Each structure stands twice: as C-alpha cells, then as structure tokens.
C-alpha atoms as a PDB file:
ATOM      1  CA  UNK A   1     117.682 125.842  23.916  1.00  0.00           C
ATOM      2  CA  UNK A   2     118.549 124.982  27.495  1.00  0.00           C
ATOM      3  CA  UNK A   3     117.337 121.414  26.983  1.00  0.00           C
ATOM      4  CA  UNK A   4     119.645 121.015  23.998  1.00  0.00           C
ATOM      5  CA  UNK A   5     122.587 122.466  25.896  1.00  0.00           C
ATOM      6  CA  UNK A   6     122.108 120.358  29.009  1.00  0.00           C
ATOM      7  CA  UNK A   7     120.883 117.058  27.555  1.00  0.00           C
ATOM      8  CA  UNK A   8     121.786 116.716  23.886  1.00  0.00           C
ATOM      9  CA  UNK A   9     125.205 118.353  23.769  1.00  0.00           C
ATOM     10  CA  UNK A  10     126.925 116.113  26.380  1.00  0.00           C
ATOM     11  CA  UNK A  11     125.361 113.057  24.774  1.00  0.00           C
ATOM     12  CA  UNK A  12     126.658 114.134  21.355  1.00  0.00           C
ATOM     13  CA  UNK A  13     130.163 114.672  22.733  1.00  0.00           C
ATOM     14  CA  UNK A  14     130.193 111.322  24.538  1.00  0.00           C
ATOM     15  CA  UNK A  15     128.834 109.454  21.524  1.00  0.00           C
ATOM     16  CA  UNK A  16     131.359 111.125  19.213  1.00  0.00           C
ATOM     17  CA  UNK A  17     134.164 110.139  21.581  1.00  0.00           C
ATOM     18  CA  UNK A  18     132.789 106.607  21.700  1.00  0.00           C
ATOM     19  CA  UNK A  19     132.715 106.305  17.921  1.00  0.00           C
ATOM     20  CA  UNK A  20     136.284 107.608  17.683  1.00  0.00           C
ATOM     21  CA  UNK A  21     137.433 105.214  20.417  1.00  0.00           C
ATOM     22  CA  UNK A  22     135.706 102.313  18.674  1.00  0.00           C
ATOM     23  CA  UNK A  23     137.342 103.196  15.344  1.00  0.00           C
ATOM     24  CA  UNK A  24     140.780 103.265  16.977  1.00  0.00           C
ATOM     25  CA  UNK A  25     140.275 100.061  18.967  1.00  0.00           C
ATOM     26  CA  UNK A  26     138.798  98.239  15.957  1.00  0.00           C
ATOM     27  CA  UNK A  27     142.147  98.552  14.159  1.00  0.00           C
ATOM     28  CA  UNK A  28     143.732  96.338  16.819  1.00  0.00           C
ATOM     29  CA  UNK A  29     141.449  93.421  15.926  1.00  0.00           C
ATOM     30  CA  UNK A  30     141.938  93.748  12.169  1.00  0.00           C
ATOM     31  CA  UNK A  31     144.353  91.361  10.468  1.00  0.00           C
ATOM     32  CA  UNK A  32     147.875  92.681   9.976  1.00  0.00           C
ATOM     33  CA  UNK A  33     147.635  92.841   6.202  1.00  0.00           C
ATOM     34  CA  UNK A  34     144.655  95.206   6.430  1.00  0.00           C
ATOM     35  CA  UNK A  35     146.511  97.577   8.717  1.00  0.00           C
ATOM     36  CA  UNK A  36     149.419  97.958   6.308  1.00  0.00           C
ATOM     37  CA  UNK A  37     149.176 100.554   3.524  1.00  0.00           C
ATOM     38  CA  UNK A  38     147.788  99.497   0.186  1.00  0.00           C
ATOM     39  CA  UNK A  39     150.363  98.233  -2.329  1.00  0.00           C
ATOM     40  CA  UNK A  40     151.241 100.803  -4.962  1.00  0.00           C
ATOM     41  CA  UNK A  41     151.666  98.401  -7.912  1.00  0.00           C
END
C-alpha cells in the first residue's frame, strides 16, 4: 500500500494533468471550423 501511495499515486495525478493539458492545448491547433459548435440544421 505504501508503494502505491508513494510511487503510483503521484504518477497518476501527473499523467492525468498531462492528458488534460494536452486536450486543452490541442484545441489551439485545430482548425477554426472544428472549434465552433456544430450547426443545428
């Protein structure tokens, strides 16, 4: 249990933050028409 708390938990938090940061920064490189909401009709 101590191994999970000291080794795996910080890595999980850092990797989750990295995935969230990548998802936010990836929107910058998308074309403008993909960032706009989908057309209703």
